[in-house]
Amino acid sequence: MTRRATALLLTLLLGGLLFAPAALAAQAEPAVISRAWYWQSQQNQNHDTPVGTVSGELPNPYCPSAPGGLGGVPGTCAEGRLPVEIINGDYETPDKVSAVGFDLTMLTLGSEVSKFTLTMLEAESGCRPNEDSPTSQECEETDARNPEGKTIQACEVTEIFGDGDGRQYNEMPKFDCAGAATAQRKEVKNDAKNDPNDPDPDHVWTFDLTDVAQRWAESSPLCTCVMFRPLQPKNADDDDLNWRVVLAGAKYPNGVKTDLVFTPGEGESLPPISTLPPTDSGLGSGSAPTSSFGSTEVGGGLDSGTGDDLGAAADAGAGGDDTAPPEDVAGDDGELAAAEGPEIEAMPGYVWLALLAGLVGFSLVRSIVLESVHAHRANGVLAHIHRINAARGGMQGTAAAAAVAGPLSGLKTGLATIGSTLKPVTSKVGSLVGKIPGIKKG
């Protein structure tokens, strides 16, 4: 009995060792590979420049640009910042919202996600050393304004979007805030050893994205992305009317931290995230590198599943129904053929007259030079040569006639005869040409 129990335990132990790797959880730190922020106040505007009036947009306030499209002002560009801002208590259309996308290709379909957290570092105003800047430092004005007790939600984004700063609202992708993860400001001790120039405490916003990551592992979505939006408190007061938080973003050291724990599934890996080409207003809004992608619908607002009026309004601003048939700009088939084919102009009258004169001349030449198939013509060139030969007589006359009948001599004589014959015809042709309108006699 003891031997059997020992054998059974050994069998279970060996089996556990064989199958344990498949059941072990994996851990990863997914990178943020796309980002954008949208500005409700951003609209196309006319700007006066030395070369005239041009249409453009408001510059990125966190990365000011020099006039004339010369790029960012040295030492003042805080690249990659992600703002969330409320003005005058407008939570339906916040003044600024931001979005990020994650690289979750390590997940496979059917994976079990047990943890996915996202920690965003809050940006701070001030200056820090930067050897790449002409001023040897980089300064920014990104302090939070009235952030205490405020809540930011990470809504699921259901469309791909283009990287960019200060983009218009109609470029915003659709999103769904139902059951979205939320975060509040948390103070953390600053590491004075790693950041001796900033002794003040730092602040972070941590989101638990486990539920949405589990949905992504089950459905292979178009975009593994979230949008940061302010959450309106139930009992809002004057303190909630105006506030701002600027997140440092992935381009700032330790600006983003992620922690993913999952058990791999047996399906294929999630496809890599696709993003639109970066958008740039040309007046300093700036853009970040991004991967290429094929065409897709882009329209801002909430996902249709939320039933919020903001989604419909943003869709209308984005261009309406994409399935509407294109207008028939070419007209019917006849008009299209006429437009594509070359235009043929009528020949002038003198061209036809010249062709007719050529036919008459050819006919006269043929009747004078060429012999009849049955006999020589009495007034032909060859008959004239024979008459000369007969007048000279004898062998000498025959030899002379042969010489005259040579190809060149005969042709010369024939042309002379043609000229005398055609003289009346050319006179008539000249008279007809002079009668054609627009042609004067020379």
Protein backbone atom coordinates (compact mmCIF):
# COMPACT_ATOMS: atom_id res chain seq x y z
CA MET A 1 0.00 0.00 0.00
CA THR A 2 2.83 2.33 0.85
CA ARG A 3 4.57 1.57 -2.45
CA ARG A 4 1.39 2.31 -4.39
CA ALA A 5 0.87 5.63 -2.61
CA THR A 6 4.47 6.60 -3.23
CA ALA A 7 4.18 5.74 -6.93
CA LEU A 8 0.97 7.74 -7.21
CA LEU A 9 2.57 10.77 -5.58
CA LEU A 10 5.58 10.53 -7.89
CA THR A 11 3.28 10.33 -10.90
CA LEU A 12 1.33 13.40 -9.81
CA LEU A 13 4.56 15.28 -9.13
CA LEU A 14 5.99 14.46 -12.55
CA GLY A 15 2.72 15.41 -14.22
CA GLY A 16 2.65 18.70 -12.35
CA LEU A 17 6.18 19.48 -13.47
CA LEU A 18 5.29 18.71 -17.07
CA PHE A 19 2.16 20.83 -17.20
CA ALA A 20 3.09 23.59 -14.76
CA PRO A 21 4.76 25.91 -17.34
CA ALA A 22 1.53 26.18 -19.31
CA ALA A 23 -0.33 27.33 -16.24
CA LEU A 24 2.27 29.81 -15.01
CA ALA A 25 1.35 33.48 -15.31
CA ALA A 26 3.39 35.85 -17.45
CA GLN A 27 4.24 39.45 -16.64
CA ALA A 28 4.96 42.37 -18.96
CA GLU A 29 5.16 46.16 -19.09
CA PRO A 30 3.31 47.17 -22.26
CA ALA A 31 4.59 50.33 -23.89
CA VAL A 32 2.51 53.35 -24.85
CA ILE A 33 3.00 53.61 -28.62
CA SER A 34 0.44 56.25 -29.61
CA ARG A 35 -0.91 59.40 -28.03
CA ALA A 36 -2.93 62.50 -28.85
CA TRP A 37 -4.88 65.25 -27.15
CA TYR A 38 -7.91 67.18 -28.35
CA TRP A 39 -8.80 70.82 -27.80
CA GLN A 40 -12.40 71.95 -27.81
CA SER A 41 -11.32 75.55 -28.56
CA GLN A 42 -9.20 74.50 -31.53
CA GLN A 43 -10.59 75.79 -34.82
CA ASN A 44 -9.13 76.82 -38.15
CA GLN A 45 -8.32 80.52 -37.98
CA ASN A 46 -6.80 83.15 -40.27
CA HIS A 47 -3.37 84.48 -39.33
CA ASP A 48 -1.53 87.46 -40.83
CA THR A 49 2.03 86.64 -41.91
CA PRO A 50 4.71 88.52 -43.88
CA VAL A 51 3.60 86.61 -46.99
CA GLY A 52 -0.10 87.24 -46.50
CA THR A 53 -3.03 85.73 -44.63
CA VAL A 54 -2.89 81.97 -44.04
CA SER A 55 -5.33 79.58 -42.41
CA GLY A 56 -4.03 77.72 -39.38
CA GLU A 57 -4.70 76.54 -35.84
CA LEU A 58 -3.75 77.56 -32.34
CA PRO A 59 -0.20 76.47 -31.40
CA ASN A 60 0.51 73.86 -28.79
CA PRO A 61 0.62 75.76 -25.44
CA TYR A 62 3.06 73.20 -23.98
CA CYS A 63 5.45 73.47 -26.94
CA PRO A 64 5.31 77.08 -28.27
CA SER A 65 6.50 77.61 -31.84
CA ALA A 66 8.43 80.44 -33.43
CA PRO A 67 6.68 82.58 -36.07
CA GLY A 68 6.90 81.54 -39.70
CA GLY A 69 6.89 77.79 -39.12
CA LEU A 70 10.42 77.75 -37.64
CA GLY A 71 9.52 75.06 -35.11
CA GLY A 72 9.51 75.04 -31.32
CA VAL A 73 11.09 77.84 -29.33
CA PRO A 74 14.38 76.44 -27.91
CA GLY A 75 14.19 75.48 -24.27
CA THR A 76 10.41 75.86 -23.96
CA CYS A 77 9.02 72.72 -25.61
CA ALA A 78 7.58 70.08 -23.28
CA GLU A 79 6.92 67.38 -25.84
CA GLY A 80 4.31 64.70 -25.40
CA ARG A 81 2.27 66.26 -22.59
CA LEU A 82 -1.32 65.03 -22.17
CA PRO A 83 -3.77 67.54 -20.63
CA VAL A 84 -7.22 67.08 -19.12
CA GLU A 85 -9.03 70.36 -18.42
CA ILE A 86 -12.47 71.64 -17.46
CA ILE A 87 -13.59 75.24 -18.07
CA ASN A 88 -16.83 76.70 -16.72
CA GLY A 89 -18.06 73.31 -15.50
CA ASP A 90 -18.53 71.89 -19.04
CA TYR A 91 -18.09 68.15 -18.49
CA GLU A 92 -19.96 67.19 -21.68
CA THR A 93 -17.37 68.82 -23.93
CA PRO A 94 -14.24 69.33 -21.80
CA ASP A 95 -11.77 71.89 -23.06
CA LYS A 96 -8.97 69.30 -23.28
CA VAL A 97 -8.94 65.48 -23.28
CA SER A 98 -6.16 63.00 -24.11
CA ALA A 99 -5.80 59.46 -25.46
CA VAL A 100 -3.08 56.78 -25.43
CA GLY A 101 -2.66 53.39 -27.10
CA PHE A 102 -0.82 50.33 -25.75
CA ASP A 103 1.27 47.64 -27.40
CA LEU A 104 -0.47 44.47 -26.19
CA THR A 105 0.85 42.07 -28.83
CA MET A 106 2.16 39.86 -26.02
CA LEU A 107 -1.45 38.92 -25.21
CA THR A 108 -2.97 35.98 -27.07
CA LEU A 109 -6.65 35.35 -27.69
CA GLY A 110 -8.11 33.50 -24.75
CA SER A 111 -5.60 34.89 -22.26
CA GLU A 112 -6.68 35.37 -18.68
CA VAL A 113 -5.69 38.84 -17.50
CA SER A 114 -5.33 39.01 -13.75
CA LYS A 115 -3.83 42.51 -13.57
CA PHE A 116 -3.25 45.51 -15.78
CA THR A 117 -2.47 48.83 -14.12
CA LEU A 118 -1.46 52.13 -15.67
CA THR A 119 0.32 54.85 -13.66
CA MET A 120 0.62 58.32 -15.23
CA LEU A 121 3.06 60.85 -13.75
CA GLU A 122 1.73 64.39 -13.40
CA ALA A 123 3.81 67.07 -15.15
CA GLU A 124 5.26 70.01 -13.22
CA SER A 125 6.24 73.53 -14.16
CA GLY A 126 9.91 74.45 -13.95
CA CYS A 127 13.24 74.09 -15.72
CA ARG A 128 15.60 71.13 -15.91
CA PRO A 129 18.97 70.52 -17.58
CA ASN A 130 18.85 69.54 -21.24
CA GLU A 131 22.10 69.23 -23.17
CA ASP A 132 20.24 69.11 -26.52
CA SER A 133 18.76 72.59 -25.98
CA PRO A 134 20.69 75.73 -27.07
CA THR A 135 19.93 77.17 -23.64
CA SER A 136 21.16 73.97 -21.91
CA GLN A 137 17.83 73.69 -20.14
CA GLU A 138 14.20 72.87 -20.81
CA CYS A 139 11.40 74.85 -19.18
CA GLU A 140 7.67 74.24 -19.15
CA GLU A 141 4.47 75.67 -17.70
CA THR A 142 2.37 72.60 -16.95
CA ASP A 143 1.39 72.87 -13.30
CA ALA A 144 -1.93 71.34 -12.26
CA ARG A 145 -4.68 73.79 -11.38
CA ASN A 146 -7.13 72.96 -8.62
CA PRO A 147 -6.60 69.17 -8.96
CA GLU A 148 -7.40 68.09 -5.39
CA GLY A 149 -10.39 65.76 -5.11
CA LYS A 150 -10.88 65.59 -8.89
CA THR A 151 -11.39 62.32 -10.76
CA ILE A 152 -10.18 61.29 -14.21
CA GLN A 153 -11.70 58.31 -16.01
CA ALA A 154 -9.99 56.10 -18.62
CA CYS A 155 -12.69 55.44 -21.23
CA GLU A 156 -12.26 52.63 -23.75
CA VAL A 157 -11.45 53.92 -27.26
CA THR A 158 -13.17 51.96 -30.04
CA GLU A 159 -11.49 53.54 -33.10
CA ILE A 160 -7.93 54.13 -34.17
CA PHE A 161 -6.69 57.71 -34.07
CA GLY A 162 -3.84 59.86 -35.31
CA ASP A 163 -1.04 61.14 -33.09
CA GLY A 164 -1.02 64.88 -32.53
CA ASP A 165 -1.22 67.80 -30.14
CA GLY A 166 -4.08 70.26 -29.82
CA ARG A 167 -6.21 68.52 -32.45
CA GLN A 168 -9.75 69.54 -33.31
CA TYR A 169 -12.70 67.80 -31.67
CA ASN A 170 -13.94 66.32 -34.94
CA GLU A 171 -10.75 64.23 -35.12
CA MET A 172 -11.49 62.59 -31.79
CA PRO A 173 -12.06 58.80 -31.98
CA LYS A 174 -15.19 57.21 -30.57
CA PHE A 175 -15.05 55.98 -26.99
CA ASP A 176 -17.17 54.28 -24.33
CA CYS A 177 -17.09 55.43 -20.69
CA ALA A 178 -19.46 52.75 -19.37
CA GLY A 179 -17.70 51.07 -16.43
CA ALA A 180 -14.50 53.03 -17.11
CA ALA A 181 -11.62 52.82 -14.65
CA THR A 182 -11.06 55.98 -12.59
CA ALA A 183 -8.15 57.54 -10.72
CA GLN A 184 -7.50 60.38 -8.31
CA ARG A 185 -4.37 62.34 -7.58
CA LYS A 186 -1.87 60.63 -5.28
CA GLU A 187 1.26 62.16 -3.82
CA VAL A 188 4.44 60.08 -3.92
CA LYS A 189 7.86 60.77 -2.48
CA ASN A 190 10.30 62.09 -5.03
CA ASP A 191 13.57 60.29 -5.48
CA ALA A 192 16.06 63.05 -4.73
CA LYS A 193 18.96 60.85 -5.85
CA ASN A 194 17.57 60.38 -9.37
CA ASP A 195 16.07 63.88 -9.60
CA PRO A 196 18.11 66.28 -7.42
CA ASN A 197 16.72 69.33 -9.23
CA ASP A 198 13.16 68.61 -8.07
CA PRO A 199 12.93 68.15 -4.29
CA ASP A 200 9.14 68.58 -4.25
CA PRO A 201 6.89 65.48 -4.07
CA ASP A 202 5.57 64.03 -7.32
CA HIS A 203 1.94 63.15 -8.10
CA VAL A 204 0.61 60.17 -10.00
CA TRP A 205 -2.72 58.91 -11.34
CA THR A 206 -3.14 55.13 -11.30
CA PHE A 207 -5.85 53.33 -13.31
CA ASP A 208 -6.86 49.69 -12.92
CA LEU A 209 -7.46 48.55 -16.53
CA THR A 210 -7.78 44.83 -15.77
CA ASP A 211 -11.40 44.53 -16.92
CA VAL A 212 -10.91 46.31 -20.23
CA ALA A 213 -7.69 44.34 -20.91
CA GLN A 214 -9.63 41.12 -20.34
CA ARG A 215 -12.18 42.21 -22.95
CA TRP A 216 -9.38 42.98 -25.37
CA ALA A 217 -7.92 39.50 -24.86
CA GLU A 218 -11.29 37.98 -25.74
CA SER A 219 -12.24 40.10 -28.77
CA SER A 220 -9.02 41.25 -30.51
CA PRO A 221 -10.11 44.92 -30.77
CA LEU A 222 -9.18 47.46 -33.41
CA CYS A 223 -7.47 49.69 -30.84
CA THR A 224 -6.13 48.80 -27.38
CA CYS A 225 -6.49 52.41 -26.29
CA VAL A 226 -8.07 54.58 -23.59
CA MET A 227 -9.08 58.25 -23.37
CA PHE A 228 -8.58 60.37 -20.26
CA ARG A 229 -11.66 62.46 -19.51
CA PRO A 230 -12.79 64.36 -16.39
CA LEU A 231 -15.53 62.68 -14.35
CA GLN A 232 -18.28 65.00 -13.21
CA PRO A 233 -18.93 64.69 -9.47
CA LYS A 234 -22.46 63.95 -8.32
CA ASN A 235 -22.62 67.04 -6.15
CA ALA A 236 -20.56 69.53 -8.14
CA ASP A 237 -19.86 72.92 -6.58
CA ASP A 238 -17.92 76.02 -7.56
CA ASP A 239 -14.65 74.22 -6.83
CA ASP A 240 -15.38 71.79 -9.67
CA LEU A 241 -16.01 74.41 -12.39
CA ASN A 242 -12.40 74.98 -13.47
CA TRP A 243 -9.46 72.62 -13.05
CA ARG A 244 -6.58 71.16 -15.03
CA VAL A 245 -4.20 68.22 -14.89
CA VAL A 246 -1.30 67.79 -17.34
CA LEU A 247 0.16 64.28 -17.55
CA ALA A 248 3.86 64.01 -18.40
CA GLY A 249 3.42 61.30 -21.05
CA ALA A 250 5.66 58.51 -22.30
CA LYS A 251 8.34 60.85 -23.67
CA TYR A 252 9.19 62.03 -20.17
CA PRO A 253 11.46 59.71 -18.09
CA ASN A 254 9.21 57.42 -16.03
CA GLY A 255 6.21 59.39 -17.25
CA VAL A 256 4.24 56.14 -17.81
CA LYS A 257 4.42 52.85 -15.95
CA THR A 258 2.40 49.74 -16.80
CA ASP A 259 2.11 46.35 -15.15
CA LEU A 260 0.40 43.43 -16.93
CA VAL A 261 -0.01 39.96 -15.40
CA PHE A 262 -1.76 37.30 -17.50
CA THR A 263 -1.99 33.62 -18.30
CA PRO A 264 -1.42 33.14 -22.05
CA GLY A 265 -4.23 31.69 -24.10
CA GLU A 266 -4.02 29.26 -26.98
CA GLY A 267 -5.12 31.71 -29.69
CA GLU A 268 -3.12 34.03 -31.88
CA SER A 269 -1.44 37.17 -30.58
CA LEU A 270 -3.41 40.37 -30.59
CA PRO A 271 -2.68 42.40 -33.74
CA PRO A 272 -0.39 45.42 -33.39
CA ILE A 273 -2.13 48.71 -32.84
CA SER A 274 -2.64 50.82 -35.96
CA THR A 275 -2.65 54.61 -35.91
CA LEU A 276 -3.41 57.34 -38.37
CA PRO A 277 -0.59 59.47 -39.80
CA PRO A 278 0.39 62.33 -37.46
CA THR A 279 -1.55 65.55 -37.89
CA ASP A 280 0.10 68.93 -37.82
CA SER A 281 -1.50 72.35 -38.10
CA GLY A 282 1.68 73.90 -39.47
CA LEU A 283 1.67 76.56 -36.75
CA GLY A 284 3.32 74.64 -33.98
CA SER A 285 0.79 72.04 -32.89
CA GLY A 286 3.49 69.45 -33.44
CA SER A 287 3.22 65.71 -33.93
CA ALA A 288 4.88 62.50 -32.91
CA PRO A 289 6.09 59.60 -35.07
CA THR A 290 3.56 56.91 -35.77
CA SER A 291 3.11 53.82 -37.91
CA SER A 292 1.31 53.87 -41.24
CA PHE A 293 -2.17 52.47 -41.74
CA GLY A 294 -4.91 52.01 -44.26
CA SER A 295 -8.03 54.12 -44.47
CA THR A 296 -10.71 54.02 -41.80
CA GLU A 297 -13.63 56.07 -40.48
CA VAL A 298 -12.63 58.84 -38.09
CA GLY A 299 -15.26 60.67 -36.10
CA GLY A 300 -15.27 61.98 -32.58
CA GLY A 301 -17.59 61.39 -29.69
CA LEU A 302 -18.92 58.62 -27.54
CA ASP A 303 -19.42 55.12 -28.84
CA SER A 304 -22.95 54.43 -30.06
CA GLY A 305 -23.47 52.08 -27.14
CA THR A 306 -23.42 54.93 -24.62
CA GLY A 307 -26.33 56.84 -26.11
CA ASP A 308 -24.74 60.21 -25.35
CA ASP A 309 -25.58 63.18 -27.58
CA LEU A 310 -21.91 64.12 -27.75
CA GLY A 311 -21.17 61.18 -30.03
CA ALA A 312 -23.85 62.22 -32.52
CA ALA A 313 -22.71 65.83 -32.52
CA ALA A 314 -19.09 64.85 -33.04
CA ASP A 315 -20.01 62.41 -35.82
CA ALA A 316 -21.83 65.20 -37.61
CA GLY A 317 -18.78 67.40 -37.31
CA ALA A 318 -16.58 64.63 -38.65
CA GLY A 319 -18.39 64.45 -41.96
CA GLY A 320 -21.63 62.53 -41.38
CA ASP A 321 -22.47 59.27 -43.09
CA ASP A 322 -19.42 57.73 -44.76
CA THR A 323 -21.57 55.29 -46.75
CA ALA A 324 -23.29 57.94 -48.87
CA PRO A 325 -22.67 57.33 -52.60
CA PRO A 326 -20.28 59.75 -54.31
CA GLU A 327 -21.73 62.42 -56.53
CA ASP A 328 -21.75 61.81 -60.30
CA VAL A 329 -19.39 64.56 -61.31
CA ALA A 330 -18.82 63.16 -64.80
CA GLY A 331 -22.41 63.35 -66.07
CA ASP A 332 -23.86 60.72 -68.40
CA ASP A 333 -21.79 58.43 -70.63
CA GLY A 334 -22.02 60.70 -73.61
CA GLU A 335 -20.77 63.71 -71.72
CA LEU A 336 -17.98 61.66 -70.18
CA ALA A 337 -16.83 60.40 -73.57
CA ALA A 338 -16.93 63.91 -74.98
CA ALA A 339 -14.92 65.22 -72.06
CA GLU A 340 -12.24 62.53 -72.38
CA GLY A 341 -11.91 62.47 -76.18
CA PRO A 342 -9.87 65.00 -78.19
CA GLU A 343 -11.74 67.86 -79.78
CA ILE A 344 -11.72 67.67 -83.64
CA GLU A 345 -11.84 70.93 -85.54
CA ALA A 346 -13.26 71.26 -89.07
CA MET A 347 -10.68 71.60 -91.89
CA PRO A 348 -10.43 75.06 -93.48
CA GLY A 349 -11.76 75.47 -97.05
CA TYR A 350 -8.37 76.05 -98.60
CA VAL A 351 -7.18 72.59 -97.48
CA TRP A 352 -9.97 70.91 -99.39
CA LEU A 353 -9.23 73.09 -102.42
CA ALA A 354 -5.54 72.10 -102.27
CA LEU A 355 -6.47 68.40 -102.18
CA LEU A 356 -8.77 68.86 -105.18
CA ALA A 357 -6.02 70.65 -107.14
CA GLY A 358 -3.62 67.83 -106.35
CA LEU A 359 -6.03 65.22 -107.72
CA VAL A 360 -6.54 67.26 -110.91
CA GLY A 361 -2.76 67.63 -111.36
CA PHE A 362 -2.18 63.91 -110.85
CA SER A 363 -4.85 63.08 -113.41
CA LEU A 364 -3.26 65.40 -115.97
CA VAL A 365 0.22 63.96 -115.37
CA ARG A 366 -1.14 60.45 -115.76
CA SER A 367 -2.92 61.28 -119.00
CA ILE A 368 0.16 62.96 -120.49
CA VAL A 369 3.06 60.78 -119.32
CA LEU A 370 1.63 57.26 -119.09
CA GLU A 371 0.93 55.23 -122.21
CA SER A 372 -2.33 53.50 -122.92
CA VAL A 373 -2.42 49.78 -122.44
CA HIS A 374 -3.36 49.32 -126.06
CA ALA A 375 -1.17 51.85 -127.93
CA HIS A 376 0.77 55.07 -127.74
CA ARG A 377 -1.23 58.24 -127.38
CA ALA A 378 -0.93 60.58 -130.30
CA ASN A 379 -0.01 63.50 -128.12
CA GLY A 380 2.01 61.51 -125.53
CA VAL A 381 5.64 62.00 -124.68
CA LEU A 382 6.74 58.78 -126.33
CA ALA A 383 4.80 59.59 -129.53
CA HIS A 384 6.59 62.92 -129.68
CA ILE A 385 9.95 61.13 -129.33
CA HIS A 386 9.03 58.72 -132.14
CA ARG A 387 8.21 61.64 -134.41
CA ILE A 388 11.63 63.13 -133.74
CA ASN A 389 13.27 59.83 -134.50
CA ALA A 390 11.35 59.49 -137.76
CA ALA A 391 12.38 62.99 -138.85
CA ARG A 392 16.10 62.33 -138.31
CA GLY A 393 15.96 58.95 -140.00
CA GLY A 394 18.58 56.20 -140.34
CA MET A 395 20.64 54.60 -137.70
CA GLN A 396 21.88 57.94 -136.45
CA GLY A 397 18.32 59.02 -135.89
CA THR A 398 17.59 55.77 -134.11
CA ALA A 399 20.60 56.21 -131.80
CA ALA A 400 19.63 59.81 -131.10
CA ALA A 401 16.10 58.76 -130.40
CA ALA A 402 17.41 56.12 -128.01
CA ALA A 403 19.47 58.76 -126.28
CA VAL A 404 16.50 61.12 -126.11
CA ALA A 405 14.33 58.29 -124.87
CA GLY A 406 16.62 57.77 -121.86
CA PRO A 407 14.89 58.00 -118.50
CA LEU A 408 16.09 61.48 -117.52
CA SER A 409 15.83 63.09 -120.92
CA GLY A 410 12.38 61.71 -121.48
CA LEU A 411 11.23 62.90 -118.07
CA LYS A 412 12.61 66.40 -118.75
CA THR A 413 10.79 66.62 -122.02
CA GLY A 414 7.63 65.26 -120.48
CA LEU A 415 7.69 67.77 -117.64
CA ALA A 416 8.09 70.60 -120.10
CA THR A 417 5.06 69.39 -121.95
CA ILE A 418 3.15 69.05 -118.65
CA GLY A 419 4.01 72.63 -117.74
CA SER A 420 2.63 74.00 -120.98
CA THR A 421 -0.46 71.85 -120.65
CA LEU A 422 -1.16 72.77 -117.01
CA LYS A 423 -0.76 76.52 -117.55
CA PRO A 424 -4.51 77.11 -118.16
CA VAL A 425 -5.40 74.91 -115.15
CA THR A 426 -3.05 76.68 -112.73
CA SER A 427 -4.45 80.01 -113.86
CA LYS A 428 -7.98 78.86 -112.99
CA VAL A 429 -6.84 77.44 -109.58
CA GLY A 430 -5.19 80.73 -108.73
CA SER A 431 -8.35 82.59 -109.60
CA LEU A 432 -10.43 80.30 -107.32
CA VAL A 433 -7.98 80.67 -104.41
CA GLY A 434 -8.21 84.43 -104.66
CA LYS A 435 -11.94 84.26 -104.20
CA ILE A 436 -11.71 82.36 -100.85
CA PRO A 437 -12.43 84.67 -97.88
CA GLY A 438 -9.39 85.56 -95.84
CA ILE A 439 -6.87 84.82 -98.65
CA LYS A 440 -5.42 87.75 -100.54
CA LYS A 441 -3.77 87.56 -103.87
CA GLY A 442 0.00 87.79 -103.72
